[in-house]
């Protein structure tokens, strides 16, 4: 066979080698799953957090990676950085358990019974994504029976978007809301805010005036 027609191998030089960047699509979930497995098996744990008398063991690196609060605690020259056991005050064990679960699994279980504990803890440890998740959940649960409580929570944690949603709901259901016992739980500041926002209402201006007067007369015997 004529060698002139044989394909010739491309000459390669060391400096001509192709460089590629490989990114494992499942590496992040594998890493997180591995860290959670270590936690469940009690391996390589280096911190114990005590909340309401309950003990939670974890890895400092995991907590510091997802919370500015813990990052400062474990990396700055604070006393806690050198301790193996730390008491966390001002939060509940119920809330912290959910926060810890999220740190290791990216999942959190939320319901009306625990959402305030979760929100309080997330605010304490500065986990913004959980704060937003709580706000979104509360927004989806607004009704006549809980709108005052949700308004109070939104005000306490400066959740502006949730606050607007709940007052818009109150305005849009003002007739029904004003005939419930929940309406009379509004503080004077909350009633004023409801009127100032000037969202569309489901009744006439005369009805609004009557509703406000009923609230005032209801408060007077209690003052």
N, C-alpha and C. Protein backbone atom coordinates (compact mmCIF):
# COMPACT_ATOMS: atom_id res chain seq x y z
N UNK A 1 0.86 -1.19 0.00
CA UNK A 1 0.00 0.00 0.00
C UNK A 1 0.89 1.23 0.00
N UNK A 2 0.47 2.22 -0.79
CA UNK A 2 1.26 3.44 -0.89
C UNK A 2 1.15 4.22 0.41
N UNK A 3 2.28 4.45 1.02
CA UNK A 3 2.29 5.14 2.31
C UNK A 3 1.88 6.60 2.19
N UNK A 4 1.90 7.13 0.96
CA UNK A 4 1.54 8.53 0.78
C UNK A 4 0.07 8.79 1.11
N UNK A 5 -0.76 7.71 1.03
CA UNK A 5 -2.19 7.86 1.27
C UNK A 5 -2.60 7.43 2.68
N UNK A 6 -1.64 7.09 3.52
CA UNK A 6 -1.93 6.70 4.90
C UNK A 6 -2.11 7.96 5.74
N UNK A 7 -3.16 7.99 6.59
CA UNK A 7 -3.32 9.17 7.46
C UNK A 7 -2.15 9.27 8.42
N UNK A 8 -1.69 10.45 8.62
CA UNK A 8 -0.54 10.65 9.50
C UNK A 8 -1.01 11.13 10.87
N UNK A 9 -0.43 10.58 11.90
CA UNK A 9 -0.76 10.99 13.26
C UNK A 9 -0.31 12.43 13.48
N UNK A 10 -1.18 13.19 14.15
CA UNK A 10 -0.84 14.59 14.42
C UNK A 10 0.25 14.66 15.47
N UNK A 11 1.27 15.40 15.15
CA UNK A 11 2.35 15.54 16.11
C UNK A 11 1.89 16.44 17.26
N UNK A 12 2.13 16.00 18.47
CA UNK A 12 1.75 16.77 19.65
C UNK A 12 2.98 17.18 20.43
N UNK A 13 2.95 18.37 20.89
CA UNK A 13 4.02 18.87 21.73
C UNK A 13 3.45 19.10 23.13
N UNK A 14 4.30 19.04 24.10
CA UNK A 14 3.84 19.18 25.49
C UNK A 14 3.06 20.48 25.70
N UNK A 15 3.47 21.52 25.04
CA UNK A 15 2.80 22.81 25.26
C UNK A 15 1.54 22.97 24.41
N UNK A 16 1.20 21.93 23.59
CA UNK A 16 0.00 21.98 22.77
C UNK A 16 -1.16 21.18 23.37
N UNK A 17 -0.98 20.58 24.55
CA UNK A 17 -2.01 19.72 25.13
C UNK A 17 -3.25 20.55 25.48
N UNK A 18 -4.42 19.94 25.25
CA UNK A 18 -5.68 20.64 25.49
C UNK A 18 -6.02 20.63 26.97
N UNK A 19 -6.45 21.76 27.48
CA UNK A 19 -6.84 21.87 28.88
C UNK A 19 -8.36 21.93 28.99
N UNK A 20 -8.90 21.09 29.84
CA UNK A 20 -10.35 21.11 30.06
C UNK A 20 -10.64 21.35 31.53
N UNK A 21 -11.84 21.82 31.80
CA UNK A 21 -12.30 22.00 33.18
C UNK A 21 -13.48 21.07 33.40
N UNK A 22 -13.32 20.11 34.29
CA UNK A 22 -14.40 19.16 34.58
C UNK A 22 -15.16 19.64 35.81
N UNK A 23 -16.47 19.66 35.70
CA UNK A 23 -17.31 20.04 36.83
C UNK A 23 -18.31 18.92 37.08
N UNK A 24 -18.20 18.31 38.26
CA UNK A 24 -19.11 17.22 38.61
C UNK A 24 -20.48 17.75 38.97
N UNK A 25 -21.49 17.39 38.21
CA UNK A 25 -22.83 17.93 38.42
C UNK A 25 -23.44 17.50 39.75
N UNK A 26 -22.99 16.37 40.27
CA UNK A 26 -23.58 15.85 41.51
C UNK A 26 -22.67 16.05 42.72
N UNK A 27 -21.54 16.74 42.50
CA UNK A 27 -20.56 16.84 43.59
C UNK A 27 -21.12 17.58 44.80
N UNK A 28 -21.84 18.67 44.57
CA UNK A 28 -22.35 19.46 45.69
C UNK A 28 -23.31 18.65 46.55
N UNK A 29 -24.23 17.94 45.90
CA UNK A 29 -25.18 17.13 46.67
C UNK A 29 -24.48 15.95 47.34
N UNK A 30 -23.46 15.40 46.66
CA UNK A 30 -22.70 14.30 47.26
C UNK A 30 -21.94 14.78 48.49
N UNK A 31 -21.34 15.96 48.38
CA UNK A 31 -20.60 16.53 49.50
C UNK A 31 -21.52 16.79 50.68
N UNK A 32 -22.67 17.41 50.41
CA UNK A 32 -23.61 17.71 51.48
C UNK A 32 -24.14 16.43 52.11
N UNK A 33 -24.43 15.44 51.27
CA UNK A 33 -24.89 14.16 51.79
C UNK A 33 -23.84 13.48 52.64
N UNK A 34 -22.58 13.61 52.22
CA UNK A 34 -21.49 13.02 53.00
C UNK A 34 -21.33 13.69 54.35
N UNK A 35 -21.45 15.00 54.38
CA UNK A 35 -21.34 15.72 55.65
C UNK A 35 -22.49 15.36 56.58
N UNK A 36 -23.69 15.23 56.02
CA UNK A 36 -24.83 14.84 56.85
C UNK A 36 -24.66 13.42 57.38
N UNK A 37 -24.09 12.54 56.56
CA UNK A 37 -23.83 11.17 57.01
C UNK A 37 -22.83 11.16 58.16
N UNK A 38 -21.80 12.01 58.07
CA UNK A 38 -20.83 12.12 59.17
C UNK A 38 -21.52 12.61 60.44
N UNK A 39 -22.43 13.57 60.28
CA UNK A 39 -23.16 14.08 61.44
C UNK A 39 -24.00 12.99 62.07
N UNK A 40 -24.73 12.24 61.25
CA UNK A 40 -25.61 11.20 61.78
C UNK A 40 -24.83 10.09 62.47
N UNK A 41 -23.60 9.85 61.99
CA UNK A 41 -22.77 8.80 62.58
C UNK A 41 -21.92 9.33 63.74
N UNK A 42 -21.99 10.65 63.97
CA UNK A 42 -21.22 11.25 65.06
C UNK A 42 -19.74 11.32 64.78
N UNK A 43 -19.35 11.46 63.51
CA UNK A 43 -17.94 11.44 63.13
C UNK A 43 -17.44 12.84 62.77
N UNK A 44 -16.23 13.15 63.23
CA UNK A 44 -15.54 14.41 62.95
C UNK A 44 -16.29 15.64 63.43
N UNK A 45 -17.21 15.46 64.35
CA UNK A 45 -17.95 16.59 64.91
C UNK A 45 -17.04 17.37 65.85
N UNK A 46 -17.09 18.70 65.79
CA UNK A 46 -16.17 19.49 66.60
C UNK A 46 -16.86 20.59 67.41
N UNK A 47 -18.19 20.59 67.45
CA UNK A 47 -18.89 21.60 68.25
C UNK A 47 -20.21 21.03 68.75
N UNK A 48 -20.53 21.36 70.00
CA UNK A 48 -21.83 20.99 70.58
C UNK A 48 -22.55 22.28 70.95
N UNK A 49 -23.76 22.43 70.45
CA UNK A 49 -24.56 23.61 70.73
C UNK A 49 -25.71 23.22 71.64
N UNK A 50 -25.87 23.97 72.72
CA UNK A 50 -26.89 23.67 73.72
C UNK A 50 -28.01 24.70 73.60
N UNK A 51 -29.22 24.22 73.33
CA UNK A 51 -30.38 25.10 73.18
C UNK A 51 -31.51 24.55 74.02
N UNK A 52 -31.94 25.32 75.00
CA UNK A 52 -33.02 24.91 75.91
C UNK A 52 -32.74 23.54 76.53
N UNK A 53 -31.49 23.31 76.88
CA UNK A 53 -31.13 22.05 77.54
C UNK A 53 -30.91 20.88 76.59
N UNK A 54 -31.14 21.07 75.31
CA UNK A 54 -30.91 20.00 74.33
C UNK A 54 -29.55 20.19 73.66
N UNK A 55 -28.90 19.09 73.36
CA UNK A 55 -27.55 19.12 72.81
C UNK A 55 -27.58 18.77 71.31
N UNK A 56 -26.98 19.64 70.51
CA UNK A 56 -26.90 19.44 69.06
C UNK A 56 -25.43 19.45 68.66
N UNK A 57 -24.96 18.34 68.09
CA UNK A 57 -23.57 18.25 67.66
C UNK A 57 -23.48 18.53 66.16
N UNK A 58 -22.40 19.20 65.77
CA UNK A 58 -22.28 19.62 64.37
C UNK A 58 -20.81 19.85 64.02
N UNK A 59 -20.60 20.25 62.78
CA UNK A 59 -19.27 20.63 62.29
C UNK A 59 -19.22 22.16 62.18
N UNK A 60 -18.21 22.75 62.77
CA UNK A 60 -18.09 24.21 62.71
C UNK A 60 -18.06 24.71 61.27
N UNK A 61 -17.36 24.00 60.41
CA UNK A 61 -17.22 24.45 59.02
C UNK A 61 -18.57 24.52 58.31
N UNK A 62 -19.44 23.56 58.58
CA UNK A 62 -20.76 23.55 57.94
C UNK A 62 -21.58 24.75 58.42
N UNK A 63 -21.59 24.97 59.73
CA UNK A 63 -22.36 26.09 60.28
C UNK A 63 -21.81 27.43 59.79
N UNK A 64 -20.48 27.55 59.77
CA UNK A 64 -19.86 28.81 59.34
C UNK A 64 -20.10 29.08 57.86
N UNK A 65 -20.22 28.02 57.07
CA UNK A 65 -20.41 28.18 55.62
C UNK A 65 -21.79 28.72 55.27
N UNK A 66 -22.79 28.48 56.12
CA UNK A 66 -24.15 28.90 55.77
C UNK A 66 -24.71 29.98 56.69
N UNK A 67 -23.92 30.46 57.64
CA UNK A 67 -24.41 31.47 58.58
C UNK A 67 -23.31 32.45 58.94
N UNK A 68 -23.53 33.74 58.66
CA UNK A 68 -22.56 34.77 59.03
C UNK A 68 -22.38 34.83 60.54
N UNK A 69 -23.44 34.54 61.26
CA UNK A 69 -23.38 34.54 62.73
C UNK A 69 -22.37 33.51 63.21
N UNK A 70 -22.46 32.29 62.71
CA UNK A 70 -21.53 31.24 63.13
C UNK A 70 -20.14 31.47 62.56
N UNK A 71 -20.05 32.04 61.37
CA UNK A 71 -18.73 32.32 60.80
C UNK A 71 -17.96 33.29 61.69
N UNK A 72 -18.65 34.33 62.14
CA UNK A 72 -18.01 35.28 63.04
C UNK A 72 -17.65 34.62 64.36
N UNK A 73 -18.54 33.78 64.85
CA UNK A 73 -18.32 33.12 66.13
C UNK A 73 -17.09 32.21 66.10
N UNK A 74 -16.91 31.49 64.99
CA UNK A 74 -15.87 30.47 64.93
C UNK A 74 -14.56 30.95 64.32
N UNK A 75 -14.56 32.09 63.64
CA UNK A 75 -13.34 32.55 62.97
C UNK A 75 -12.74 33.80 63.60
N UNK A 76 -13.56 34.63 64.22
CA UNK A 76 -13.02 35.82 64.87
C UNK A 76 -12.41 35.44 66.21
N UNK A 77 -11.72 36.39 66.80
CA UNK A 77 -11.05 36.11 68.08
C UNK A 77 -12.04 36.22 69.23
N UNK A 78 -13.09 35.42 69.15
CA UNK A 78 -14.09 35.37 70.21
C UNK A 78 -13.82 34.16 71.09
N UNK A 79 -14.28 34.23 72.31
CA UNK A 79 -14.09 33.12 73.25
C UNK A 79 -14.68 31.84 72.70
N UNK A 80 -15.84 31.94 72.02
CA UNK A 80 -16.52 30.76 71.50
C UNK A 80 -15.69 30.00 70.48
N UNK A 81 -14.78 30.70 69.78
CA UNK A 81 -13.96 30.05 68.76
C UNK A 81 -13.07 28.97 69.35
N UNK A 82 -12.81 29.06 70.64
CA UNK A 82 -11.92 28.08 71.29
C UNK A 82 -12.69 27.08 72.14
N UNK A 83 -14.01 27.17 72.13
CA UNK A 83 -14.83 26.28 72.95
C UNK A 83 -15.39 25.12 72.12
N UNK A 84 -15.61 24.01 72.79
CA UNK A 84 -16.20 22.84 72.13
C UNK A 84 -17.70 22.72 72.42
N UNK A 85 -18.18 23.52 73.38
CA UNK A 85 -19.60 23.51 73.73
C UNK A 85 -20.06 24.94 73.96
N UNK A 86 -21.14 25.31 73.30
CA UNK A 86 -21.63 26.68 73.37
C UNK A 86 -23.13 26.68 73.63
N UNK A 87 -23.58 27.51 74.55
CA UNK A 87 -25.01 27.67 74.82
C UNK A 87 -25.55 28.81 73.96
N UNK A 88 -26.63 28.54 73.27
CA UNK A 88 -27.30 29.56 72.46
C UNK A 88 -28.58 29.98 73.18
N UNK A 89 -28.64 31.23 73.57
CA UNK A 89 -29.80 31.75 74.29
C UNK A 89 -30.69 32.57 73.35
N UNK A 90 -31.95 32.69 73.73
CA UNK A 90 -32.87 33.53 72.97
C UNK A 90 -33.53 32.86 71.79
N UNK A 91 -33.28 31.56 71.61
CA UNK A 91 -33.94 30.80 70.54
C UNK A 91 -34.47 29.50 71.12
N UNK A 92 -35.29 28.80 70.35
CA UNK A 92 -35.87 27.55 70.83
C UNK A 92 -35.17 26.35 70.19
N UNK A 93 -35.24 25.23 70.89
CA UNK A 93 -34.68 23.99 70.35
C UNK A 93 -35.43 23.56 69.10
N UNK A 94 -36.74 23.80 69.09
CA UNK A 94 -37.55 23.46 67.91
C UNK A 94 -37.06 24.20 66.68
N UNK A 95 -36.83 25.49 66.82
CA UNK A 95 -36.35 26.29 65.70
C UNK A 95 -34.95 25.91 65.27
N UNK A 96 -34.07 25.68 66.24
CA UNK A 96 -32.68 25.37 65.89
C UNK A 96 -32.56 24.00 65.23
N UNK A 97 -33.36 23.05 65.65
CA UNK A 97 -33.33 21.73 65.03
C UNK A 97 -33.62 21.82 63.53
N UNK A 98 -34.60 22.65 63.16
CA UNK A 98 -34.93 22.81 61.75
C UNK A 98 -33.82 23.54 60.99
N UNK A 99 -33.22 24.52 61.62
CA UNK A 99 -32.12 25.26 61.00
C UNK A 99 -30.93 24.34 60.75
N UNK A 100 -30.61 23.51 61.73
CA UNK A 100 -29.49 22.58 61.61
C UNK A 100 -29.77 21.56 60.50
N UNK A 101 -31.00 21.09 60.44
CA UNK A 101 -31.38 20.13 59.39
C UNK A 101 -31.20 20.77 58.01
N UNK A 102 -31.58 22.02 57.89
CA UNK A 102 -31.44 22.72 56.61
C UNK A 102 -29.97 22.87 56.24
N UNK A 103 -29.13 23.18 57.21
CA UNK A 103 -27.70 23.37 56.94
C UNK A 103 -27.08 22.14 56.31
N UNK A 104 -27.56 20.96 56.70
CA UNK A 104 -26.97 19.71 56.22
C UNK A 104 -27.74 19.07 55.06
N UNK A 105 -28.98 19.45 54.83
CA UNK A 105 -29.78 18.76 53.81
C UNK A 105 -30.43 19.69 52.78
N UNK A 106 -30.40 20.99 53.01
CA UNK A 106 -31.09 21.97 52.15
C UNK A 106 -32.61 21.85 52.25
N UNK A 107 -33.10 21.11 53.24
CA UNK A 107 -34.55 20.93 53.42
C UNK A 107 -34.95 21.39 54.82
N UNK A 108 -36.17 21.89 54.91
CA UNK A 108 -36.68 22.33 56.20
C UNK A 108 -38.18 22.03 56.26
N UNK A 109 -38.64 21.59 57.41
CA UNK A 109 -40.05 21.29 57.62
C UNK A 109 -40.70 22.47 58.32
N UNK A 110 -41.71 23.05 57.68
CA UNK A 110 -42.32 24.26 58.21
C UNK A 110 -43.84 24.11 58.28
N UNK A 111 -44.42 24.56 59.38
CA UNK A 111 -45.87 24.60 59.53
C UNK A 111 -46.21 25.76 60.46
N UNK A 112 -47.50 26.00 60.64
CA UNK A 112 -47.91 27.13 61.47
C UNK A 112 -47.50 26.97 62.93
N UNK A 113 -47.28 25.73 63.35
CA UNK A 113 -46.89 25.48 64.74
C UNK A 113 -45.43 25.85 65.00
N UNK A 114 -44.56 25.74 63.98
CA UNK A 114 -43.14 25.98 64.24
C UNK A 114 -42.54 27.15 63.47
N UNK A 115 -43.32 27.78 62.57
CA UNK A 115 -42.73 28.78 61.69
C UNK A 115 -42.15 29.97 62.45
N UNK A 116 -42.78 30.37 63.55
CA UNK A 116 -42.23 31.51 64.28
C UNK A 116 -40.93 31.14 64.98
N UNK A 117 -40.83 29.91 65.48
CA UNK A 117 -39.57 29.44 66.08
C UNK A 117 -38.47 29.41 65.02
N UNK A 118 -38.80 28.91 63.84
CA UNK A 118 -37.82 28.84 62.75
C UNK A 118 -37.39 30.24 62.33
N UNK A 119 -38.35 31.14 62.17
CA UNK A 119 -38.05 32.51 61.77
C UNK A 119 -37.20 33.22 62.81
N UNK A 120 -37.52 33.04 64.07
CA UNK A 120 -36.76 33.66 65.14
C UNK A 120 -35.32 33.17 65.14
N UNK A 121 -35.14 31.87 64.96
CA UNK A 121 -33.80 31.29 64.95
C UNK A 121 -33.03 31.73 63.72
N UNK A 122 -33.68 31.72 62.56
CA UNK A 122 -33.02 32.13 61.32
C UNK A 122 -32.57 33.59 61.40
N UNK A 123 -33.39 34.43 62.01
CA UNK A 123 -33.03 35.82 62.21
C UNK A 123 -31.84 35.95 63.15
N UNK A 124 -31.84 35.13 64.19
CA UNK A 124 -30.77 35.16 65.19
C UNK A 124 -29.43 34.77 64.58
N UNK A 125 -29.43 33.73 63.74
CA UNK A 125 -28.16 33.24 63.18
C UNK A 125 -27.91 33.78 61.77
N UNK A 126 -28.75 34.71 61.33
CA UNK A 126 -28.54 35.44 60.07
C UNK A 126 -28.52 34.53 58.85
N UNK A 127 -29.57 33.72 58.70
CA UNK A 127 -29.73 32.88 57.51
C UNK A 127 -30.87 33.46 56.67
N UNK A 128 -30.50 34.33 55.74
CA UNK A 128 -31.46 35.13 55.00
C UNK A 128 -32.40 34.27 54.15
N UNK A 129 -31.88 33.19 53.58
CA UNK A 129 -32.73 32.35 52.72
C UNK A 129 -33.86 31.70 53.52
N UNK A 130 -33.60 31.35 54.78
CA UNK A 130 -34.64 30.77 55.62
C UNK A 130 -35.65 31.84 56.03
N UNK A 131 -35.18 33.03 56.32
CA UNK A 131 -36.09 34.14 56.65
C UNK A 131 -37.06 34.36 55.50
N UNK A 132 -36.54 34.37 54.27
CA UNK A 132 -37.39 34.56 53.10
C UNK A 132 -38.36 33.40 52.93
N UNK A 133 -37.89 32.18 53.19
CA UNK A 133 -38.76 31.00 53.08
C UNK A 133 -39.91 31.09 54.08
N UNK A 134 -39.62 31.56 55.29
CA UNK A 134 -40.67 31.73 56.30
C UNK A 134 -41.68 32.79 55.86
N UNK A 135 -41.18 33.89 55.31
CA UNK A 135 -42.07 34.95 54.85
C UNK A 135 -42.97 34.45 53.72
N UNK A 136 -42.40 33.68 52.80
CA UNK A 136 -43.19 33.13 51.69
C UNK A 136 -44.25 32.17 52.21
N UNK A 137 -43.87 31.36 53.19
CA UNK A 137 -44.83 30.40 53.75
C UNK A 137 -45.97 31.13 54.45
N UNK A 138 -45.64 32.11 55.26
CA UNK A 138 -46.67 32.87 55.98
C UNK A 138 -47.61 33.58 55.01
N UNK A 139 -47.05 34.09 53.93
CA UNK A 139 -47.89 34.75 52.92
C UNK A 139 -48.92 33.78 52.34
N UNK A 140 -48.50 32.54 52.15
CA UNK A 140 -49.41 31.54 51.57
C UNK A 140 -50.48 31.09 52.55
N UNK A 141 -50.31 31.40 53.84
CA UNK A 141 -51.23 30.93 54.86
C UNK A 141 -52.17 32.00 55.40
N UNK A 142 -52.08 33.22 54.90
CA UNK A 142 -52.89 34.33 55.43
C UNK A 142 -54.38 34.03 55.32
N UNK A 143 -55.08 34.18 56.44
CA UNK A 143 -56.54 34.09 56.44
C UNK A 143 -57.10 34.99 57.55
N UNK A 144 -58.40 35.01 57.70
CA UNK A 144 -59.04 35.88 58.68
C UNK A 144 -58.57 35.58 60.10
N UNK A 145 -58.37 34.31 60.39
CA UNK A 145 -58.05 33.91 61.76
C UNK A 145 -56.62 34.19 62.18
N UNK A 146 -55.71 34.38 61.22
CA UNK A 146 -54.31 34.56 61.61
C UNK A 146 -53.68 35.84 61.06
N UNK A 147 -54.44 36.66 60.35
CA UNK A 147 -53.83 37.82 59.69
C UNK A 147 -53.23 38.82 60.68
N UNK A 148 -53.83 38.97 61.85
CA UNK A 148 -53.27 39.90 62.84
C UNK A 148 -51.94 39.38 63.37
N UNK A 149 -51.89 38.09 63.66
CA UNK A 149 -50.63 37.50 64.13
C UNK A 149 -49.55 37.61 63.07
N UNK A 150 -49.90 37.36 61.82
CA UNK A 150 -48.91 37.45 60.74
C UNK A 150 -48.44 38.89 60.55
N UNK A 151 -49.35 39.85 60.70
CA UNK A 151 -48.96 41.26 60.62
C UNK A 151 -47.97 41.61 61.72
N UNK A 152 -48.22 41.09 62.92
CA UNK A 152 -47.33 41.35 64.06
C UNK A 152 -45.95 40.75 63.81
N UNK A 153 -45.92 39.54 63.27
CA UNK A 153 -44.65 38.88 62.95
C UNK A 153 -43.90 39.68 61.88
N UNK A 154 -44.61 40.09 60.84
CA UNK A 154 -43.99 40.84 59.75
C UNK A 154 -43.39 42.15 60.25
N UNK A 155 -44.09 42.80 61.17
CA UNK A 155 -43.58 44.05 61.75
C UNK A 155 -42.36 43.79 62.62
N UNK A 156 -42.40 42.73 63.39
CA UNK A 156 -41.30 42.42 64.31
C UNK A 156 -40.00 42.15 63.56
N UNK A 157 -40.10 41.47 62.42
CA UNK A 157 -38.89 41.09 61.68
C UNK A 157 -38.67 41.94 60.43
N UNK A 158 -39.41 43.03 60.32
CA UNK A 158 -39.25 43.97 59.19
C UNK A 158 -39.38 43.28 57.84
N UNK A 159 -40.40 42.42 57.72
CA UNK A 159 -40.66 41.71 56.47
C UNK A 159 -41.64 42.55 55.64
N UNK A 160 -41.10 43.53 54.96
CA UNK A 160 -41.92 44.55 54.30
C UNK A 160 -42.90 43.95 53.29
N UNK A 161 -42.42 43.04 52.45
CA UNK A 161 -43.29 42.47 51.42
C UNK A 161 -44.45 41.71 52.05
N UNK A 162 -44.17 40.94 53.10
CA UNK A 162 -45.22 40.20 53.80
C UNK A 162 -46.20 41.17 54.45
N UNK A 163 -45.67 42.24 55.01
CA UNK A 163 -46.51 43.24 55.67
C UNK A 163 -47.51 43.84 54.69
N UNK A 164 -47.04 44.18 53.51
CA UNK A 164 -47.94 44.74 52.50
C UNK A 164 -49.01 43.73 52.09
N UNK A 165 -48.61 42.47 51.96
CA UNK A 165 -49.55 41.42 51.57
C UNK A 165 -50.65 41.23 52.61
N UNK A 166 -50.26 41.24 53.88
CA UNK A 166 -51.26 40.96 54.92
C UNK A 166 -52.22 42.14 55.08
N UNK A 167 -51.73 43.37 54.95
CA UNK A 167 -52.64 44.52 55.04
C UNK A 167 -53.53 44.63 53.80
N UNK A 168 -53.01 44.23 52.66
CA UNK A 168 -53.84 44.19 51.46
C UNK A 168 -54.96 43.15 51.65
N UNK A 169 -54.62 42.02 52.28
CA UNK A 169 -55.63 40.99 52.55
C UNK A 169 -56.71 41.53 53.49
N UNK A 170 -56.28 42.19 54.57
CA UNK A 170 -57.25 42.75 55.52
C UNK A 170 -58.20 43.72 54.82
N UNK A 171 -57.64 44.57 53.97
CA UNK A 171 -58.47 45.55 53.26
C UNK A 171 -59.44 44.88 52.31
N UNK A 172 -58.96 43.88 51.59
CA UNK A 172 -59.80 43.20 50.62
C UNK A 172 -60.89 42.35 51.23
N UNK A 173 -60.74 42.04 52.53
CA UNK A 173 -61.75 41.23 53.24
C UNK A 173 -62.25 41.99 54.47
N UNK A 174 -62.33 43.31 54.35
CA UNK A 174 -62.58 44.15 55.53
C UNK A 174 -63.92 43.85 56.20
N UNK A 175 -64.97 43.63 55.43
CA UNK A 175 -66.27 43.35 56.03
C UNK A 175 -66.24 42.08 56.88
N UNK A 176 -65.70 41.01 56.31
CA UNK A 176 -65.61 39.75 57.05
C UNK A 176 -64.65 39.89 58.22
N UNK A 177 -63.51 40.53 57.97
CA UNK A 177 -62.50 40.70 59.02
C UNK A 177 -63.05 41.50 60.19
N UNK A 178 -63.79 42.57 59.91
CA UNK A 178 -64.30 43.44 60.98
C UNK A 178 -65.38 42.77 61.81
N UNK A 179 -65.96 41.70 61.29
CA UNK A 179 -66.98 40.96 62.04
C UNK A 179 -66.41 39.78 62.81
N UNK A 180 -65.08 39.68 62.80
CA UNK A 180 -64.42 38.60 63.55
C UNK A 180 -63.81 39.15 64.83
N UNK A 181 -63.55 38.28 65.78
CA UNK A 181 -62.90 38.71 67.03
C UNK A 181 -61.46 39.14 66.78
N UNK A 182 -60.86 38.62 65.71
CA UNK A 182 -59.47 38.98 65.40
C UNK A 182 -59.33 40.47 65.11
N UNK A 183 -60.34 41.07 64.53
CA UNK A 183 -60.27 42.49 64.18
C UNK A 183 -59.98 43.34 65.40
N UNK A 184 -60.54 42.98 66.52
CA UNK A 184 -60.39 43.79 67.74
C UNK A 184 -59.06 43.54 68.44
N UNK A 185 -58.26 42.63 67.89
CA UNK A 185 -56.90 42.43 68.40
C UNK A 185 -55.91 43.37 67.74
N UNK A 186 -56.34 44.07 66.71
CA UNK A 186 -55.47 45.07 66.09
C UNK A 186 -55.09 46.13 67.11
N UNK A 187 -53.82 46.52 67.11
CA UNK A 187 -53.42 47.65 67.94
C UNK A 187 -53.83 48.94 67.23
N UNK A 188 -53.78 50.05 67.97
CA UNK A 188 -54.11 51.34 67.35
C UNK A 188 -53.16 51.63 66.19
N UNK A 189 -51.89 51.28 66.37
CA UNK A 189 -50.90 51.51 65.31
C UNK A 189 -51.22 50.66 64.07
N UNK A 190 -51.67 49.43 64.30
CA UNK A 190 -52.00 48.57 63.17
C UNK A 190 -53.25 49.05 62.43
N UNK A 191 -54.24 49.50 63.17
CA UNK A 191 -55.44 50.04 62.53
C UNK A 191 -55.10 51.28 61.71
N UNK A 192 -54.27 52.13 62.27
CA UNK A 192 -53.84 53.33 61.55
C UNK A 192 -53.11 52.95 60.27
N UNK A 193 -52.25 51.95 60.37
CA UNK A 193 -51.49 51.50 59.20
C UNK A 193 -52.43 50.94 58.13
N UNK A 194 -53.44 50.20 58.58
CA UNK A 194 -54.42 49.63 57.65
C UNK A 194 -55.12 50.74 56.86
N UNK A 195 -55.42 51.84 57.52
CA UNK A 195 -56.10 52.96 56.85
C UNK A 195 -55.14 53.76 55.97
N UNK A 196 -53.91 53.92 56.44
CA UNK A 196 -52.93 54.72 55.69
C UNK A 196 -52.53 54.04 54.39
N UNK A 197 -52.41 52.71 54.41
CA UNK A 197 -52.03 52.00 53.19
C UNK A 197 -53.03 52.23 52.06
N UNK A 198 -54.28 52.44 52.41
CA UNK A 198 -55.30 52.79 51.41
C UNK A 198 -55.43 51.75 50.29
N UNK A 199 -55.36 50.48 50.67
CA UNK A 199 -55.60 49.42 49.70
C UNK A 199 -57.09 49.35 49.37
N UNK A 200 -57.46 48.79 48.22
CA UNK A 200 -58.89 48.65 47.88
C UNK A 200 -59.63 47.84 48.94
N UNK A 201 -60.82 48.30 49.29
CA UNK A 201 -61.63 47.61 50.29
C UNK A 201 -62.90 47.05 49.64
N UNK A 202 -63.54 46.13 50.34
CA UNK A 202 -64.74 45.49 49.78
C UNK A 202 -66.02 46.10 50.32
N UNK A 203 -65.95 47.38 50.70
CA UNK A 203 -67.14 48.04 51.25
C UNK A 203 -67.06 49.54 50.98
N UNK A 204 -68.11 50.26 51.36
CA UNK A 204 -68.17 51.70 51.10
C UNK A 204 -67.38 52.48 52.14
N UNK A 205 -67.17 53.78 51.87
CA UNK A 205 -66.48 54.64 52.84
C UNK A 205 -67.28 54.74 54.13
N UNK A 206 -68.60 54.75 54.02
CA UNK A 206 -69.45 54.80 55.21
C UNK A 206 -69.26 53.55 56.06
N UNK A 207 -69.11 52.41 55.39
CA UNK A 207 -68.86 51.16 56.12
C UNK A 207 -67.52 51.22 56.83
N UNK A 208 -66.51 51.77 56.16
CA UNK A 208 -65.18 51.88 56.76
C UNK A 208 -65.25 52.74 58.02
N UNK A 209 -65.95 53.87 57.94
CA UNK A 209 -66.10 54.74 59.11
C UNK A 209 -66.79 54.00 60.25
N UNK A 210 -67.84 53.27 59.93
CA UNK A 210 -68.57 52.51 60.95
C UNK A 210 -67.68 51.45 61.58
N UNK A 211 -66.86 50.80 60.77
CA UNK A 211 -65.95 49.76 61.26
C UNK A 211 -64.92 50.35 62.22
N UNK A 212 -64.37 51.50 61.85
CA UNK A 212 -63.38 52.16 62.71
C UNK A 212 -64.01 52.58 64.03
N UNK A 213 -65.21 53.13 63.98
CA UNK A 213 -65.89 53.55 65.21
C UNK A 213 -66.18 52.35 66.11
N UNK A 214 -66.56 51.24 65.51
CA UNK A 214 -66.81 50.03 66.31
C UNK A 214 -65.54 49.58 67.02
N UNK A 215 -64.41 49.68 66.31
CA UNK A 215 -63.13 49.30 66.94
C UNK A 215 -62.84 50.23 68.11
N UNK A 216 -63.05 51.53 67.93
CA UNK A 216 -62.78 52.51 68.99
C UNK A 216 -63.66 52.26 70.20
N UNK A 217 -64.95 52.06 69.98
CA UNK A 217 -65.88 51.83 71.10
C UNK A 217 -65.57 50.52 71.81
N UNK A 218 -65.07 49.55 71.07
CA UNK A 218 -64.71 48.27 71.68
C UNK A 218 -63.50 48.42 72.58
N UNK A 219 -62.57 49.31 72.22
CA UNK A 219 -61.34 49.48 72.99
C UNK A 219 -61.57 50.28 74.27
N UNK A 220 -62.49 51.22 74.24
CA UNK A 220 -62.67 52.14 75.37
C UNK A 220 -62.95 51.45 76.70
N UNK A 221 -63.83 50.44 76.76
CA UNK A 221 -64.07 49.78 78.06
C UNK A 221 -62.84 49.08 78.62
N UNK A 222 -61.88 48.77 77.73
CA UNK A 222 -60.68 48.06 78.16
C UNK A 222 -59.56 48.99 78.57
N UNK A 223 -59.76 50.29 78.39
CA UNK A 223 -58.70 51.24 78.71
C UNK A 223 -58.82 51.73 80.15
